[in-house]
Amino acid sequence: MFDAETLKNILLVVCAVFLSATIFLCLARAALGPRYSDRIIAANIVSTKIILLIAVLSLIIGEGYLADVCLIYAVISFLSVVVLARSVIEKKEGAGE
């Protein structure tokens, strides 16, 4: 029978594989989205899943500094979504005039 540490590692690896698969599905949605809002939401979901994947990998390899990488990536992701949303709003305002 497996001990608790082995089961934890198996679960984390399965979680990492699942996150990787769903990241590719979200990337496909971002590429195929009919509207800009679909693409922005898909990009936001991809970056959130990447943050989760980094956190899971941090637990698998046992390195605590990757939590700091997650936080920095979250801030950069937030700023990129704000910039994308602002560009869509400016594009719509320019088309409405």
N, C-alpha and C. Protein backbone atom coordinates (compact mmCIF):
# COMPACT_ATOMS: atom_id res chain seq x y z
N MET A 1 0.83 -1.18 0.00
CA MET A 1 0.00 0.00 0.00
C MET A 1 0.87 1.24 0.00
N PHE A 2 0.32 2.33 -0.49
CA PHE A 2 1.07 3.58 -0.56
C PHE A 2 1.00 4.32 0.77
N ASP A 3 2.07 5.04 1.07
CA ASP A 3 2.01 5.89 2.26
C ASP A 3 1.43 7.25 1.88
N ALA A 4 1.22 8.10 2.85
CA ALA A 4 0.53 9.38 2.64
C ALA A 4 1.33 10.31 1.72
N GLU A 5 2.64 10.29 1.84
CA GLU A 5 3.47 11.19 1.01
C GLU A 5 3.40 10.79 -0.46
N THR A 6 3.41 9.51 -0.73
CA THR A 6 3.31 9.03 -2.11
C THR A 6 1.95 9.36 -2.71
N LEU A 7 0.90 9.18 -1.93
CA LEU A 7 -0.44 9.52 -2.41
C LEU A 7 -0.57 11.01 -2.68
N LYS A 8 0.04 11.82 -1.82
CA LYS A 8 0.02 13.27 -2.02
C LYS A 8 0.72 13.65 -3.32
N ASN A 9 1.88 13.04 -3.56
CA ASN A 9 2.62 13.35 -4.78
C ASN A 9 1.86 12.88 -6.03
N ILE A 10 1.22 11.74 -5.96
CA ILE A 10 0.43 11.26 -7.10
C ILE A 10 -0.72 12.21 -7.38
N LEU A 11 -1.40 12.64 -6.33
CA LEU A 11 -2.51 13.58 -6.49
C LEU A 11 -2.04 14.91 -7.07
N LEU A 12 -0.89 15.40 -6.63
CA LEU A 12 -0.37 16.66 -7.15
C LEU A 12 0.04 16.53 -8.62
N VAL A 13 0.59 15.41 -9.00
CA VAL A 13 0.97 15.20 -10.40
C VAL A 13 -0.28 15.12 -11.28
N VAL A 14 -1.30 14.42 -10.81
CA VAL A 14 -2.56 14.35 -11.56
C VAL A 14 -3.17 15.74 -11.69
N CYS A 15 -3.10 16.52 -10.63
CA CYS A 15 -3.61 17.89 -10.66
C CYS A 15 -2.83 18.74 -11.67
N ALA A 16 -1.52 18.58 -11.71
CA ALA A 16 -0.70 19.34 -12.65
C ALA A 16 -1.01 18.95 -14.10
N VAL A 17 -1.23 17.67 -14.35
CA VAL A 17 -1.58 17.22 -15.70
C VAL A 17 -2.94 17.77 -16.10
N PHE A 18 -3.91 17.74 -15.18
CA PHE A 18 -5.24 18.27 -15.46
C PHE A 18 -5.18 19.77 -15.75
N LEU A 19 -4.42 20.50 -14.94
CA LEU A 19 -4.28 21.94 -15.19
C LEU A 19 -3.63 22.22 -16.54
N SER A 20 -2.64 21.44 -16.89
CA SER A 20 -1.97 21.62 -18.19
C SER A 20 -2.94 21.38 -19.35
N ALA A 21 -3.76 20.34 -19.23
CA ALA A 21 -4.73 20.06 -20.29
C ALA A 21 -5.76 21.17 -20.41
N THR A 22 -6.24 21.67 -19.29
CA THR A 22 -7.24 22.73 -19.36
C THR A 22 -6.64 24.06 -19.81
N ILE A 23 -5.36 24.25 -19.59
CA ILE A 23 -4.70 25.46 -20.11
C ILE A 23 -4.75 25.45 -21.64
N PHE A 24 -4.48 24.29 -22.23
CA PHE A 24 -4.52 24.21 -23.69
C PHE A 24 -5.93 24.41 -24.23
N LEU A 25 -6.93 23.93 -23.51
CA LEU A 25 -8.31 24.16 -23.93
C LEU A 25 -8.67 25.65 -23.85
N CYS A 26 -8.20 26.31 -22.82
CA CYS A 26 -8.47 27.75 -22.70
C CYS A 26 -7.72 28.55 -23.76
N LEU A 27 -6.53 28.09 -24.12
CA LEU A 27 -5.80 28.76 -25.20
C LEU A 27 -6.54 28.62 -26.52
N ALA A 28 -7.13 27.47 -26.74
CA ALA A 28 -7.93 27.28 -27.95
C ALA A 28 -9.14 28.20 -27.93
N ARG A 29 -9.76 28.37 -26.76
CA ARG A 29 -10.90 29.27 -26.66
C ARG A 29 -10.48 30.71 -26.91
N ALA A 30 -9.29 31.07 -26.45
CA ALA A 30 -8.80 32.43 -26.68
C ALA A 30 -8.54 32.66 -28.16
N ALA A 31 -8.07 31.65 -28.85
CA ALA A 31 -7.79 31.80 -30.28
C ALA A 31 -9.07 31.81 -31.11
N LEU A 32 -10.08 31.07 -30.68
CA LEU A 32 -11.30 30.92 -31.48
C LEU A 32 -12.44 31.84 -31.03
N GLY A 33 -12.24 32.56 -29.94
CA GLY A 33 -13.33 33.38 -29.39
C GLY A 33 -13.86 34.39 -30.40
N PRO A 34 -15.17 34.47 -30.55
CA PRO A 34 -15.71 35.39 -31.55
C PRO A 34 -15.60 36.86 -31.12
N ARG A 35 -15.59 37.12 -29.82
CA ARG A 35 -15.54 38.50 -29.34
C ARG A 35 -14.25 38.74 -28.58
N TYR A 36 -13.91 40.02 -28.44
CA TYR A 36 -12.71 40.37 -27.68
C TYR A 36 -12.87 40.02 -26.20
N SER A 37 -14.10 40.16 -25.70
CA SER A 37 -14.31 39.85 -24.28
C SER A 37 -14.06 38.36 -24.00
N ASP A 38 -14.42 37.49 -24.94
CA ASP A 38 -14.12 36.06 -24.78
C ASP A 38 -12.62 35.82 -24.71
N ARG A 39 -11.90 36.52 -25.53
CA ARG A 39 -10.44 36.35 -25.55
C ARG A 39 -9.80 36.87 -24.28
N ILE A 40 -10.29 37.99 -23.77
CA ILE A 40 -9.74 38.55 -22.54
C ILE A 40 -10.01 37.62 -21.37
N ILE A 41 -11.23 37.10 -21.29
CA ILE A 41 -11.57 36.18 -20.20
C ILE A 41 -10.75 34.91 -20.30
N ALA A 42 -10.57 34.38 -21.51
CA ALA A 42 -9.77 33.18 -21.68
C ALA A 42 -8.31 33.43 -21.30
N ALA A 43 -7.78 34.59 -21.64
CA ALA A 43 -6.41 34.92 -21.26
C ALA A 43 -6.28 35.03 -19.74
N ASN A 44 -7.29 35.59 -19.10
CA ASN A 44 -7.28 35.70 -17.64
C ASN A 44 -7.34 34.31 -17.00
N ILE A 45 -8.15 33.43 -17.55
CA ILE A 45 -8.25 32.07 -17.01
C ILE A 45 -6.94 31.32 -17.21
N VAL A 46 -6.31 31.50 -18.36
CA VAL A 46 -5.02 30.84 -18.61
C VAL A 46 -3.99 31.30 -17.59
N SER A 47 -3.91 32.60 -17.34
CA SER A 47 -2.91 33.07 -16.38
C SER A 47 -3.23 32.61 -14.96
N THR A 48 -4.51 32.51 -14.61
CA THR A 48 -4.86 31.99 -13.29
C THR A 48 -4.47 30.52 -13.17
N LYS A 49 -4.69 29.75 -14.22
CA LYS A 49 -4.32 28.34 -14.19
C LYS A 49 -2.80 28.16 -14.16
N ILE A 50 -2.07 29.04 -14.79
CA ILE A 50 -0.61 28.97 -14.74
C ILE A 50 -0.12 29.27 -13.32
N ILE A 51 -0.76 30.22 -12.66
CA ILE A 51 -0.41 30.51 -11.26
C ILE A 51 -0.65 29.28 -10.40
N LEU A 52 -1.80 28.62 -10.61
CA LEU A 52 -2.09 27.39 -9.86
C LEU A 52 -1.08 26.29 -10.19
N LEU A 53 -0.69 26.18 -11.45
CA LEU A 53 0.28 25.16 -11.85
C LEU A 53 1.64 25.41 -11.20
N ILE A 54 2.06 26.66 -11.13
CA ILE A 54 3.32 26.98 -10.46
C ILE A 54 3.24 26.62 -8.98
N ALA A 55 2.08 26.90 -8.35
CA ALA A 55 1.91 26.56 -6.93
C ALA A 55 1.95 25.05 -6.72
N VAL A 56 1.30 24.30 -7.60
CA VAL A 56 1.32 22.84 -7.48
C VAL A 56 2.74 22.31 -7.68
N LEU A 57 3.43 22.84 -8.66
CA LEU A 57 4.82 22.40 -8.89
C LEU A 57 5.71 22.77 -7.71
N SER A 58 5.40 23.89 -7.06
CA SER A 58 6.14 24.27 -5.86
C SER A 58 5.96 23.23 -4.76
N LEU A 59 4.74 22.72 -4.64
CA LEU A 59 4.50 21.67 -3.64
C LEU A 59 5.17 20.36 -4.02
N ILE A 60 5.20 20.05 -5.32
CA ILE A 60 5.80 18.79 -5.76
C ILE A 60 7.30 18.77 -5.50
N ILE A 61 7.98 19.86 -5.89
CA ILE A 61 9.43 19.86 -5.74
C ILE A 61 9.90 20.40 -4.39
N GLY A 62 8.96 20.98 -3.62
CA GLY A 62 9.30 21.42 -2.27
C GLY A 62 10.10 22.69 -2.18
N GLU A 63 9.93 23.58 -3.12
CA GLU A 63 10.64 24.86 -3.11
C GLU A 63 9.67 25.98 -2.75
N GLY A 64 9.92 26.67 -1.65
CA GLY A 64 9.01 27.70 -1.17
C GLY A 64 9.09 29.01 -1.93
N TYR A 65 10.23 29.28 -2.58
CA TYR A 65 10.37 30.55 -3.28
C TYR A 65 9.43 30.67 -4.48
N LEU A 66 8.90 29.55 -4.95
CA LEU A 66 7.98 29.61 -6.09
C LEU A 66 6.65 30.26 -5.72
N ALA A 67 6.34 30.33 -4.43
CA ALA A 67 5.15 31.07 -4.00
C ALA A 67 5.33 32.56 -4.30
N ASP A 68 6.54 33.07 -4.16
CA ASP A 68 6.82 34.47 -4.51
C ASP A 68 6.67 34.68 -6.02
N VAL A 69 7.09 33.70 -6.79
CA VAL A 69 6.93 33.77 -8.24
C VAL A 69 5.45 33.82 -8.60
N CYS A 70 4.64 33.05 -7.88
CA CYS A 70 3.19 33.06 -8.11
C CYS A 70 2.60 34.45 -7.86
N LEU A 71 3.01 35.07 -6.78
CA LEU A 71 2.50 36.40 -6.45
C LEU A 71 2.89 37.44 -7.49
N ILE A 72 4.13 37.39 -7.93
CA ILE A 72 4.59 38.34 -8.95
C ILE A 72 3.86 38.10 -10.26
N TYR A 73 3.68 36.85 -10.62
CA TYR A 73 2.96 36.52 -11.85
C TYR A 73 1.50 36.95 -11.76
N ALA A 74 0.91 36.87 -10.58
CA ALA A 74 -0.48 37.31 -10.40
C ALA A 74 -0.61 38.81 -10.62
N VAL A 75 0.33 39.58 -10.13
CA VAL A 75 0.29 41.04 -10.32
C VAL A 75 0.46 41.37 -11.80
N ILE A 76 1.40 40.72 -12.46
CA ILE A 76 1.62 40.97 -13.88
C ILE A 76 0.40 40.56 -14.69
N SER A 77 -0.21 39.46 -14.33
CA SER A 77 -1.42 39.00 -15.01
C SER A 77 -2.56 39.99 -14.85
N PHE A 78 -2.74 40.50 -13.64
CA PHE A 78 -3.79 41.48 -13.39
C PHE A 78 -3.57 42.73 -14.24
N LEU A 79 -2.34 43.20 -14.28
CA LEU A 79 -2.06 44.40 -15.07
C LEU A 79 -2.26 44.16 -16.57
N SER A 80 -1.93 42.98 -17.04
CA SER A 80 -2.12 42.70 -18.47
C SER A 80 -3.60 42.65 -18.82
N VAL A 81 -4.43 42.10 -17.95
CA VAL A 81 -5.87 42.05 -18.23
C VAL A 81 -6.46 43.46 -18.19
N VAL A 82 -5.98 44.30 -17.28
CA VAL A 82 -6.45 45.69 -17.24
C VAL A 82 -6.08 46.42 -18.53
N VAL A 83 -4.86 46.23 -19.01
CA VAL A 83 -4.43 46.88 -20.25
C VAL A 83 -5.25 46.37 -21.44
N LEU A 84 -5.49 45.07 -21.51
CA LEU A 84 -6.30 44.52 -22.60
C LEU A 84 -7.73 45.05 -22.56
N ALA A 85 -8.31 45.11 -21.38
CA ALA A 85 -9.68 45.62 -21.26
C ALA A 85 -9.74 47.09 -21.64
N ARG A 86 -8.75 47.85 -21.24
CA ARG A 86 -8.72 49.27 -21.57
C ARG A 86 -8.59 49.47 -23.08
N SER A 87 -7.78 48.65 -23.73
CA SER A 87 -7.63 48.79 -25.18
C SER A 87 -8.92 48.45 -25.91
N VAL A 88 -9.67 47.47 -25.40
CA VAL A 88 -10.96 47.12 -26.02
C VAL A 88 -11.95 48.26 -25.83
N ILE A 89 -11.96 48.85 -24.64
CA ILE A 89 -12.87 49.97 -24.39
C ILE A 89 -12.53 51.15 -25.28
N GLU A 90 -11.25 51.47 -25.42
CA GLU A 90 -10.85 52.58 -26.27
C GLU A 90 -11.18 52.30 -27.73
N LYS A 91 -11.07 51.06 -28.15
CA LYS A 91 -11.40 50.70 -29.53
C LYS A 91 -12.88 50.87 -29.77
N LYS A 92 -13.71 50.47 -28.80
CA LYS A 92 -15.15 50.62 -28.96
C LYS A 92 -15.57 52.09 -28.93
N GLU A 93 -14.93 52.88 -28.09
CA GLU A 93 -15.25 54.31 -28.03
C GLU A 93 -14.84 55.01 -29.32
N GLY A 94 -13.73 54.58 -29.90
CA GLY A 94 -13.29 55.17 -31.17
C GLY A 94 -14.21 54.80 -32.30
N ALA A 95 -14.77 53.61 -32.28
CA ALA A 95 -15.69 53.16 -33.34
C ALA A 95 -17.06 53.80 -33.20
N GLY A 96 -17.42 54.18 -31.96
CA GLY A 96 -18.75 54.76 -31.72
C GLY A 96 -18.85 56.22 -32.13
N GLU A 97 -17.73 56.89 -32.31
CA GLU A 97 -17.77 58.32 -32.66
C GLU A 97 -18.02 58.56 -34.10
